[in-house]
Amino acid sequence: YSSKKNLCGICYCELSQSRGPNLYRYIRSYDYE
């Protein structure tokens, strides 16, 4: 959906200490690949 669009993504979880940062890393890694 984001491809060819100019979007800003913001990841979060309850405290943004584990699941939010993990989601960020997963998205970034997948996007690079």
PDB file of all heavy atoms in Angstrom:
ATOM      1  N   TYR A   1       0.834  -1.203   0.000  1.00  0.00           N
ATOM      2  CA  TYR A   1       0.000   0.000   0.000  1.00  0.00           C
ATOM      3  C   TYR A   1       0.871   1.255   0.000  1.00  0.00           C
ATOM      4  O   TYR A   1       0.561   2.238  -0.660  1.00  0.00           O
ATOM      5  CB  TYR A   1      -0.906  -0.012   1.240  1.00  0.00           C
ATOM      6  CG  TYR A   1      -1.651   1.278   1.453  1.00  0.00           C
ATOM      7  CD1 TYR A   1      -2.764   1.588   0.685  1.00  0.00           C
ATOM      8  CD2 TYR A   1      -1.251   2.187   2.430  1.00  0.00           C
ATOM      9  CE1 TYR A   1      -3.453   2.777   0.882  1.00  0.00           C
ATOM     10  CE2 TYR A   1      -1.941   3.373   2.635  1.00  0.00           C
ATOM     11  CZ  TYR A   1      -3.036   3.659   1.859  1.00  0.00           C
ATOM     12  OH  TYR A   1      -3.708   4.837   2.047  1.00  0.00           O
ATOM     13  N   SER A   2       1.971   1.224   0.742  1.00  0.00           N
ATOM     14  CA  SER A   2       2.847   2.385   0.884  1.00  0.00           C
ATOM     15  C   SER A   2       3.669   2.669  -0.362  1.00  0.00           C
ATOM     16  O   SER A   2       4.073   3.800  -0.605  1.00  0.00           O
ATOM     17  CB  SER A   2       3.822   2.174   2.047  1.00  0.00           C
ATOM     18  OG  SER A   2       3.132   1.948   3.231  1.00  0.00           O
ATOM     19  N   SER A   3       3.929   1.638  -1.121  1.00  0.00           N
ATOM     20  CA  SER A   3       4.759   1.794  -2.311  1.00  0.00           C
ATOM     21  C   SER A   3       4.182   2.859  -3.230  1.00  0.00           C
ATOM     22  O   SER A   3       2.992   2.893  -3.489  1.00  0.00           O
ATOM     23  CB  SER A   3       4.854   0.444  -3.033  1.00  0.00           C
ATOM     24  OG  SER A   3       5.742   0.536  -4.093  1.00  0.00           O
ATOM     25  N   LYS A   4       5.023   3.741  -3.681  1.00  0.00           N
ATOM     26  CA  LYS A   4       4.650   4.831  -4.587  1.00  0.00           C
ATOM     27  C   LYS A   4       3.776   5.893  -3.916  1.00  0.00           C
ATOM     28  O   LYS A   4       3.208   6.738  -4.572  1.00  0.00           O
ATOM     29  CB  LYS A   4       3.931   4.297  -5.831  1.00  0.00           C
ATOM     30  CG  LYS A   4       4.658   3.190  -6.566  1.00  0.00           C
ATOM     31  CD  LYS A   4       5.831   3.718  -7.355  1.00  0.00           C
ATOM     32  CE  LYS A   4       6.404   2.695  -8.269  1.00  0.00           C
ATOM     33  NZ  LYS A   4       7.332   1.748  -7.694  1.00  0.00           N
ATOM     34  N   LYS A   5       3.656   5.837  -2.584  1.00  0.00           N
ATOM     35  CA  LYS A   5       2.925   6.863  -1.845  1.00  0.00           C
ATOM     36  C   LYS A   5       3.914   7.535  -0.902  1.00  0.00           C
ATOM     37  O   LYS A   5       4.953   6.990  -0.579  1.00  0.00           O
ATOM     38  CB  LYS A   5       1.778   6.231  -1.069  1.00  0.00           C
ATOM     39  CG  LYS A   5       0.682   5.688  -1.961  1.00  0.00           C
ATOM     40  CD  LYS A   5      -0.487   5.227  -1.141  1.00  0.00           C
ATOM     41  CE  LYS A   5      -1.651   4.864  -2.003  1.00  0.00           C
ATOM     42  NZ  LYS A   5      -1.758   3.501  -2.382  1.00  0.00           N
ATOM     43  N   ASN A   6       3.565   8.696  -0.466  1.00  0.00           N
ATOM     44  CA  ASN A   6       4.424   9.459   0.422  1.00  0.00           C
ATOM     45  C   ASN A   6       3.833   9.406   1.840  1.00  0.00           C
ATOM     46  O   ASN A   6       3.110  10.307   2.245  1.00  0.00           O
ATOM     47  CB  ASN A   6       4.527  10.894  -0.092  1.00  0.00           C
ATOM     48  CG  ASN A   6       5.551  11.694   0.670  1.00  0.00           C
ATOM     49  OD1 ASN A   6       6.406  11.139   1.336  1.00  0.00           O
ATOM     50  ND2 ASN A   6       5.447  13.002   0.582  1.00  0.00           N
ATOM     51  N   LEU A   7       4.115   8.305   2.565  1.00  0.00           N
ATOM     52  CA  LEU A   7       3.520   8.075   3.874  1.00  0.00           C
ATOM     53  C   LEU A   7       4.557   8.130   4.986  1.00  0.00           C
ATOM     54  O   LEU A   7       5.735   7.908   4.765  1.00  0.00           O
ATOM     55  CB  LEU A   7       2.846   6.703   3.901  1.00  0.00           C
ATOM     56  CG  LEU A   7       1.788   6.435   2.848  1.00  0.00           C
ATOM     57  CD1 LEU A   7       1.254   5.021   2.994  1.00  0.00           C
ATOM     58  CD2 LEU A   7       0.652   7.439   2.941  1.00  0.00           C
ATOM     59  N   CYS A   8       4.061   8.373   6.181  1.00  0.00           N
ATOM     60  CA  CYS A   8       4.873   8.327   7.399  1.00  0.00           C
ATOM     61  C   CYS A   8       4.265   7.258   8.293  1.00  0.00           C
ATOM     62  O   CYS A   8       3.075   7.321   8.612  1.00  0.00           O
ATOM     63  CB  CYS A   8       4.838   9.689   8.092  1.00  0.00           C
ATOM     64  SG  CYS A   8       5.608   9.700   9.717  1.00  0.00           S
ATOM     65  N   GLY A   9       5.052   6.261   8.685  1.00  0.00           N
ATOM     66  CA  GLY A   9       4.576   5.194   9.560  1.00  0.00           C
ATOM     67  C   GLY A   9       5.066   5.401  10.978  1.00  0.00           C
ATOM     68  O   GLY A   9       6.221   5.757  11.200  1.00  0.00           O
ATOM     69  N   ILE A  10       4.168   5.169  11.932  1.00  0.00           N
ATOM     70  CA  ILE A  10       4.524   5.293  13.345  1.00  0.00           C
ATOM     71  C   ILE A  10       4.103   4.011  14.051  1.00  0.00           C
ATOM     72  O   ILE A  10       2.925   3.663  14.077  1.00  0.00           O
ATOM     73  CB  ILE A  10       3.862   6.516  13.996  1.00  0.00           C
ATOM     74  CG1 ILE A  10       4.321   7.784  13.270  1.00  0.00           C
ATOM     75  CG2 ILE A  10       4.190   6.569  15.490  1.00  0.00           C
ATOM     76  CD1 ILE A  10       3.666   9.051  13.713  1.00  0.00           C
ATOM     77  N   CYS A  11       5.091   3.304  14.592  1.00  0.00           N
ATOM     78  CA  CYS A  11       4.862   2.055  15.311  1.00  0.00           C
ATOM     79  C   CYS A  11       4.757   2.345  16.806  1.00  0.00           C
ATOM     80  O   CYS A  11       5.475   3.184  17.334  1.00  0.00           O
ATOM     81  CB  CYS A  11       6.026   1.093  15.102  1.00  0.00           C
ATOM     82  SG  CYS A  11       6.356   0.674  13.383  1.00  0.00           S
ATOM     83  N   TYR A  12       3.875   1.613  17.464  1.00  0.00           N
ATOM     84  CA  TYR A  12       3.806   1.733  18.915  1.00  0.00           C
ATOM     85  C   TYR A  12       3.220   0.466  19.530  1.00  0.00           C
ATOM     86  O   TYR A  12       2.596  -0.348  18.860  1.00  0.00           O
ATOM     87  CB  TYR A  12       2.983   2.959  19.343  1.00  0.00           C
ATOM     88  CG  TYR A  12       1.487   2.863  19.108  1.00  0.00           C
ATOM     89  CD1 TYR A  12       0.647   2.364  20.092  1.00  0.00           C
ATOM     90  CD2 TYR A  12       0.912   3.288  17.926  1.00  0.00           C
ATOM     91  CE1 TYR A  12      -0.716   2.284  19.892  1.00  0.00           C
ATOM     92  CE2 TYR A  12      -0.451   3.219  17.719  1.00  0.00           C
ATOM     93  CZ  TYR A  12      -1.265   2.708  18.717  1.00  0.00           C
ATOM     94  OH  TYR A  12      -2.619   2.631  18.517  1.00  0.00           O
ATOM     95  N   CYS A  13       3.459   0.314  20.821  1.00  0.00           N
ATOM     96  CA  CYS A  13       2.835  -0.723  21.632  1.00  0.00           C
ATOM     97  C   CYS A  13       2.445  -0.034  22.944  1.00  0.00           C
ATOM     98  O   CYS A  13       2.283   1.183  22.971  1.00  0.00           O
ATOM     99  CB  CYS A  13       3.751  -1.924  21.831  1.00  0.00           C
ATOM    100  SG  CYS A  13       5.311  -1.576  22.664  1.00  0.00           S
ATOM    101  N   GLU A  14       2.296  -0.773  24.017  1.00  0.00           N
ATOM    102  CA  GLU A  14       1.854  -0.159  25.268  1.00  0.00           C
ATOM    103  C   GLU A  14       2.826   0.906  25.749  1.00  0.00           C
ATOM    104  O   GLU A  14       2.443   2.016  26.084  1.00  0.00           O
ATOM    105  CB  GLU A  14       1.650  -1.224  26.346  1.00  0.00           C
ATOM    106  CG  GLU A  14       0.919  -0.713  27.567  1.00  0.00           C
ATOM    107  CD  GLU A  14      -0.519  -0.285  27.304  1.00  0.00           C
ATOM    108  OE1 GLU A  14      -1.152  -0.759  26.355  1.00  0.00           O
ATOM    109  OE2 GLU A  14      -1.010   0.552  28.087  1.00  0.00           O
ATOM    110  N   LEU A  15       4.120   0.583  25.801  1.00  0.00           N
ATOM    111  CA  LEU A  15       5.132   1.529  26.276  1.00  0.00           C
ATOM    112  C   LEU A  15       6.177   1.858  25.215  1.00  0.00           C
ATOM    113  O   LEU A  15       7.084   2.647  25.460  1.00  0.00           O
ATOM    114  CB  LEU A  15       5.844   0.961  27.511  1.00  0.00           C
ATOM    115  CG  LEU A  15       4.952   0.626  28.710  1.00  0.00           C
ATOM    116  CD1 LEU A  15       5.747  -0.116  29.775  1.00  0.00           C
ATOM    117  CD2 LEU A  15       4.321   1.882  29.276  1.00  0.00           C
ATOM    118  N   SER A  16       6.080   1.221  24.056  1.00  0.00           N
ATOM    119  CA  SER A  16       7.058   1.345  22.963  1.00  0.00           C
ATOM    120  C   SER A  16       8.458   0.950  23.418  1.00  0.00           C
ATOM    121  O   SER A  16       9.438   1.575  23.052  1.00  0.00           O
ATOM    122  CB  SER A  16       7.039   2.747  22.352  1.00  0.00           C
ATOM    123  OG  SER A  16       5.877   2.926  21.586  1.00  0.00           O
ATOM    124  N   GLN A  17       8.512  -0.121  24.198  1.00  0.00           N
ATOM    125  CA  GLN A  17       9.805  -0.623  24.651  1.00  0.00           C
ATOM    126  C   GLN A  17      10.176  -1.948  24.004  1.00  0.00           C
ATOM    127  O   GLN A  17      11.347  -2.271  23.906  1.00  0.00           O
ATOM    128  CB  GLN A  17       9.817  -0.772  26.169  1.00  0.00           C
ATOM    129  CG  GLN A  17       9.757   0.551  26.875  1.00  0.00           C
ATOM    130  CD  GLN A  17       9.805   0.392  28.382  1.00  0.00           C
ATOM    131  OE1 GLN A  17       9.594  -0.687  28.920  1.00  0.00           O
ATOM    132  NE2 GLN A  17      10.072   1.482  29.062  1.00  0.00           N
ATOM    133  N   SER A  18       9.195  -2.723  23.557  1.00  0.00           N
ATOM    134  CA  SER A  18       9.515  -4.030  22.988  1.00  0.00           C
ATOM    135  C   SER A  18       8.764  -4.295  21.684  1.00  0.00           C
ATOM    136  O   SER A  18       9.363  -4.347  20.619  1.00  0.00           O
ATOM    137  CB  SER A  18       9.204  -5.131  24.015  1.00  0.00           C
ATOM    138  OG  SER A  18       9.547  -6.385  23.492  1.00  0.00           O
ATOM    139  N   ARG A  19       7.458  -4.468  21.760  1.00  0.00           N
ATOM    140  CA  ARG A  19       6.703  -4.853  20.564  1.00  0.00           C
ATOM    141  C   ARG A  19       6.713  -3.777  19.490  1.00  0.00           C
ATOM    142  O   ARG A  19       6.842  -4.082  18.305  1.00  0.00           O
ATOM    143  CB  ARG A  19       5.267  -5.226  20.938  1.00  0.00           C
ATOM    144  CG  ARG A  19       5.202  -6.476  21.807  1.00  0.00           C
ATOM    145  CD  ARG A  19       3.809  -6.741  22.292  1.00  0.00           C
ATOM    146  NE  ARG A  19       3.438  -5.748  23.303  1.00  0.00           N
ATOM    147  CZ  ARG A  19       2.239  -5.666  23.860  1.00  0.00           C
ATOM    148  NH1 ARG A  19       1.279  -6.498  23.514  1.00  0.00           N
ATOM    149  NH2 ARG A  19       1.981  -4.748  24.785  1.00  0.00           N
ATOM    150  N   GLY A  20       6.588  -2.516  19.859  1.00  0.00           N
ATOM    151  CA  GLY A  20       6.642  -1.418  18.888  1.00  0.00           C
ATOM    152  C   GLY A  20       7.993  -1.350  18.186  1.00  0.00           C
ATOM    153  O   GLY A  20       8.057  -1.332  16.960  1.00  0.00           O
ATOM    154  N   PRO A  21       9.102  -1.339  18.951  1.00  0.00           N
ATOM    155  CA  PRO A  21      10.417  -1.358  18.311  1.00  0.00           C
ATOM    156  C   PRO A  21      10.659  -2.621  17.479  1.00  0.00           C
ATOM    157  O   PRO A  21      11.288  -2.551  16.419  1.00  0.00           O
ATOM    158  CB  PRO A  21      11.395  -1.265  19.484  1.00  0.00           C
ATOM    159  CG  PRO A  21      10.637  -0.526  20.533  1.00  0.00           C
ATOM    160  CD  PRO A  21       9.220  -1.024  20.380  1.00  0.00           C
ATOM    161  N   ASN A  22      10.141  -3.767  17.941  1.00  0.00           N
ATOM    162  CA  ASN A  22      10.293  -5.000  17.158  1.00  0.00           C
ATOM    163  C   ASN A  22       9.527  -4.897  15.837  1.00  0.00           C
ATOM    164  O   ASN A  22      10.023  -5.339  14.802  1.00  0.00           O
ATOM    165  CB  ASN A  22       9.815  -6.219  17.947  1.00  0.00           C
ATOM    166  CG  ASN A  22      10.781  -6.621  19.027  1.00  0.00           C
ATOM    167  OD1 ASN A  22      11.950  -6.259  18.999  1.00  0.00           O
ATOM    168  ND2 ASN A  22      10.293  -7.368  20.004  1.00  0.00           N
ATOM    169  N   LEU A  23       8.337  -4.322  15.885  1.00  0.00           N
ATOM    170  CA  LEU A  23       7.569  -4.124  14.658  1.00  0.00           C
ATOM    171  C   LEU A  23       8.323  -3.191  13.714  1.00  0.00           C
ATOM    172  O   LEU A  23       8.432  -3.457  12.515  1.00  0.00           O
ATOM    173  CB  LEU A  23       6.183  -3.553  14.974  1.00  0.00           C
ATOM    174  CG  LEU A  23       5.298  -3.235  13.774  1.00  0.00           C
ATOM    175  CD1 LEU A  23       5.016  -4.479  12.940  1.00  0.00           C
ATOM    176  CD2 LEU A  23       3.987  -2.589  14.242  1.00  0.00           C
ATOM    177  N   TYR A  24       8.873  -2.117  14.251  1.00  0.00           N
ATOM    178  CA  TYR A  24       9.678  -1.188  13.459  1.00  0.00           C
ATOM    179  C   TYR A  24      10.817  -1.930  12.762  1.00  0.00           C
ATOM    180  O   TYR A  24      11.015  -1.787  11.556  1.00  0.00           O
ATOM    181  CB  TYR A  24      10.232  -0.080  14.361  1.00  0.00           C
ATOM    182  CG  TYR A  24      11.259   0.789  13.688  1.00  0.00           C
ATOM    183  CD1 TYR A  24      10.872   1.955  13.041  1.00  0.00           C
ATOM    184  CD2 TYR A  24      12.605   0.437  13.678  1.00  0.00           C
ATOM    185  CE1 TYR A  24      11.815   2.758  12.403  1.00  0.00           C
ATOM    186  CE2 TYR A  24      13.544   1.228  13.041  1.00  0.00           C
ATOM    187  CZ  TYR A  24      13.147   2.382  12.411  1.00  0.00           C
ATOM    188  OH  TYR A  24      14.083   3.159  11.771  1.00  0.00           O
ATOM    189  N   ARG A  25      11.578  -2.718  13.530  1.00  0.00           N
ATOM    190  CA  ARG A  25      12.715  -3.448  12.957  1.00  0.00           C
ATOM    191  C   ARG A  25      12.270  -4.451  11.902  1.00  0.00           C
ATOM    192  O   ARG A  25      12.916  -4.596  10.864  1.00  0.00           O
ATOM    193  CB  ARG A  25      13.508  -4.152  14.064  1.00  0.00           C
ATOM    194  CG  ARG A  25      14.377  -3.199  14.881  1.00  0.00           C
ATOM    195  CD  ARG A  25      15.305  -3.933  15.828  1.00  0.00           C
ATOM    196  NE  ARG A  25      14.613  -4.556  16.950  1.00  0.00           N
ATOM    197  CZ  ARG A  25      14.292  -3.918  18.073  1.00  0.00           C
ATOM    198  NH1 ARG A  25      14.612  -2.649  18.239  1.00  0.00           N
ATOM    199  NH2 ARG A  25      13.677  -4.549  19.044  1.00  0.00           N
ATOM    200  N   TYR A  26      11.168  -5.122  12.148  1.00  0.00           N
ATOM    201  CA  TYR A  26      10.666  -6.101  11.181  1.00  0.00           C
ATOM    202  C   TYR A  26      10.252  -5.421   9.876  1.00  0.00           C
ATOM    203  O   TYR A  26      10.601  -5.870   8.790  1.00  0.00           O
ATOM    204  CB  TYR A  26       9.498  -6.888  11.778  1.00  0.00           C
ATOM    205  CG  TYR A  26       9.104  -8.046  10.914  1.00  0.00           C
ATOM    206  CD1 TYR A  26       9.740  -9.278  11.035  1.00  0.00           C
ATOM    207  CD2 TYR A  26       8.108  -7.916   9.943  1.00  0.00           C
ATOM    208  CE1 TYR A  26       9.398 -10.341  10.233  1.00  0.00           C
ATOM    209  CE2 TYR A  26       7.764  -8.972   9.132  1.00  0.00           C
ATOM    210  CZ  TYR A  26       8.405 -10.187   9.279  1.00  0.00           C
ATOM    211  OH  TYR A  26       8.073 -11.234   8.471  1.00  0.00           O
ATOM    212  N   ILE A  27       9.514  -4.316   9.999  1.00  0.00           N
ATOM    213  CA  ILE A  27       9.090  -3.580   8.796  1.00  0.00           C
ATOM    214  C   ILE A  27      10.302  -3.073   8.035  1.00  0.00           C
ATOM    215  O   ILE A  27      10.387  -3.223   6.817  1.00  0.00           O
ATOM    216  CB  ILE A  27       8.157  -2.405   9.161  1.00  0.00           C
ATOM    217  CG1 ILE A  27       6.818  -2.939   9.663  1.00  0.00           C
ATOM    218  CG2 ILE A  27       7.946  -1.477   7.962  1.00  0.00           C
ATOM    219  CD1 ILE A  27       5.918  -1.873  10.244  1.00  0.00           C
ATOM    220  N   ARG A  28      11.244  -2.475   8.745  1.00  0.00           N
ATOM    221  CA  ARG A  28      12.419  -1.914   8.088  1.00  0.00           C
ATOM    222  C   ARG A  28      13.215  -3.018   7.388  1.00  0.00           C
ATOM    223  O   ARG A  28      13.623  -2.871   6.239  1.00  0.00           O
ATOM    224  CB  ARG A  28      13.292  -1.173   9.107  1.00  0.00           C
ATOM    225  CG  ARG A  28      14.509  -0.508   8.529  1.00  0.00           C
ATOM    226  CD  ARG A  28      14.205   0.485   7.412  1.00  0.00           C
ATOM    227  NE  ARG A  28      13.656   1.715   7.916  1.00  0.00           N
ATOM    228  CZ  ARG A  28      12.603   2.318   7.367  1.00  0.00           C
ATOM    229  NH1 ARG A  28      11.997   1.826   6.303  1.00  0.00           N
ATOM    230  NH2 ARG A  28      12.151   3.442   7.848  1.00  0.00           N
ATOM    231  N   SER A  29      13.413  -4.132   8.067  1.00  0.00           N
ATOM    232  CA  SER A  29      14.151  -5.250   7.486  1.00  0.00           C
ATOM    233  C   SER A  29      13.439  -5.798   6.248  1.00  0.00           C
ATOM    234  O   SER A  29      14.070  -6.037   5.208  1.00  0.00           O
ATOM    235  CB  SER A  29      14.317  -6.349   8.536  1.00  0.00           C
ATOM    236  OG  SER A  29      14.906  -7.486   7.978  1.00  0.00           O
ATOM    237  N   TYR A  30      12.146  -5.991   6.353  1.00  0.00           N
ATOM    238  CA  TYR A  30      11.349  -6.506   5.237  1.00  0.00           C
ATOM    239  C   TYR A  30      11.394  -5.532   4.062  1.00  0.00           C
ATOM    240  O   TYR A  30      11.533  -5.928   2.909  1.00  0.00           O
ATOM    241  CB  TYR A  30       9.909  -6.729   5.702  1.00  0.00           C
ATOM    242  CG  TYR A  30       9.032  -7.387   4.671  1.00  0.00           C
ATOM    243  CD1 TYR A  30       8.920  -8.770   4.623  1.00  0.00           C
ATOM    244  CD2 TYR A  30       8.313  -6.631   3.756  1.00  0.00           C
ATOM    245  CE1 TYR A  30       8.107  -9.385   3.683  1.00  0.00           C
ATOM    246  CE2 TYR A  30       7.503  -7.232   2.811  1.00  0.00           C
ATOM    247  CZ  TYR A  30       7.402  -8.617   2.782  1.00  0.00           C
ATOM    248  OH  TYR A  30       6.597  -9.209   1.844  1.00  0.00           O
ATOM    249  N   ASP A  31      11.291  -4.242   4.364  1.00  0.00           N
ATOM    250  CA  ASP A  31      11.310  -3.206   3.326  1.00  0.00           C
ATOM    251  C   ASP A  31      12.656  -3.186   2.597  1.00  0.00           C
ATOM    252  O   ASP A  31      12.715  -3.100   1.374  1.00  0.00           O
ATOM    253  CB  ASP A  31      11.012  -1.851   3.950  1.00  0.00           C
ATOM    254  CG  ASP A  31      10.509  -0.809   2.961  1.00  0.00           C
ATOM    255  OD1 ASP A  31      10.281  -1.146   1.776  1.00  0.00           O
ATOM    256  OD2 ASP A  31      10.314   0.341   3.382  1.00  0.00           O
ATOM    257  N   TYR A  32      13.747  -3.278   3.359  1.00  0.00           N
ATOM    258  CA  TYR A  32      15.073  -3.324   2.734  1.00  0.00           C
ATOM    259  C   TYR A  32      15.206  -4.553   1.836  1.00  0.00           C
ATOM    260  O   TYR A  32      15.676  -4.465   0.706  1.00  0.00           O
ATOM    261  CB  TYR A  32      16.185  -3.343   3.786  1.00  0.00           C
ATOM    262  CG  TYR A  32      16.691  -1.969   4.155  1.00  0.00           C
ATOM    263  CD1 TYR A  32      16.289  -1.357   5.333  1.00  0.00           C
ATOM    264  CD2 TYR A  32      17.566  -1.289   3.323  1.00  0.00           C
ATOM    265  CE1 TYR A  32      16.750  -0.106   5.673  1.00  0.00           C
ATOM    266  CE2 TYR A  32      18.035  -0.033   3.656  1.00  0.00           C
ATOM    267  CZ  TYR A  32      17.619   0.555   4.833  1.00  0.00           C
ATOM    268  OH  TYR A  32      18.076   1.804   5.165  1.00  0.00           O
ATOM    269  N   GLU A  33      14.793  -5.702   2.359  1.00  0.00           N
ATOM    270  CA  GLU A  33      14.897  -6.941   1.580  1.00  0.00           C
ATOM    271  C   GLU A  33      14.061  -6.856   0.304  1.00  0.00           C
ATOM    272  O   GLU A  33      14.514  -7.240  -0.770  1.00  0.00           O
ATOM    273  CB  GLU A  33      14.426  -8.115   2.439  1.00  0.00           C
ATOM    274  CG  GLU A  33      14.589  -9.461   1.776  1.00  0.00           C
ATOM    275  CD  GLU A  33      14.138 -10.584   2.696  1.00  0.00           C
ATOM    276  OE1 GLU A  33      14.548 -10.598   3.871  1.00  0.00           O
ATOM    277  OE2 GLU A  33      13.363 -11.429   2.230  1.00  0.00           O
TER     278      GLU A  33
END
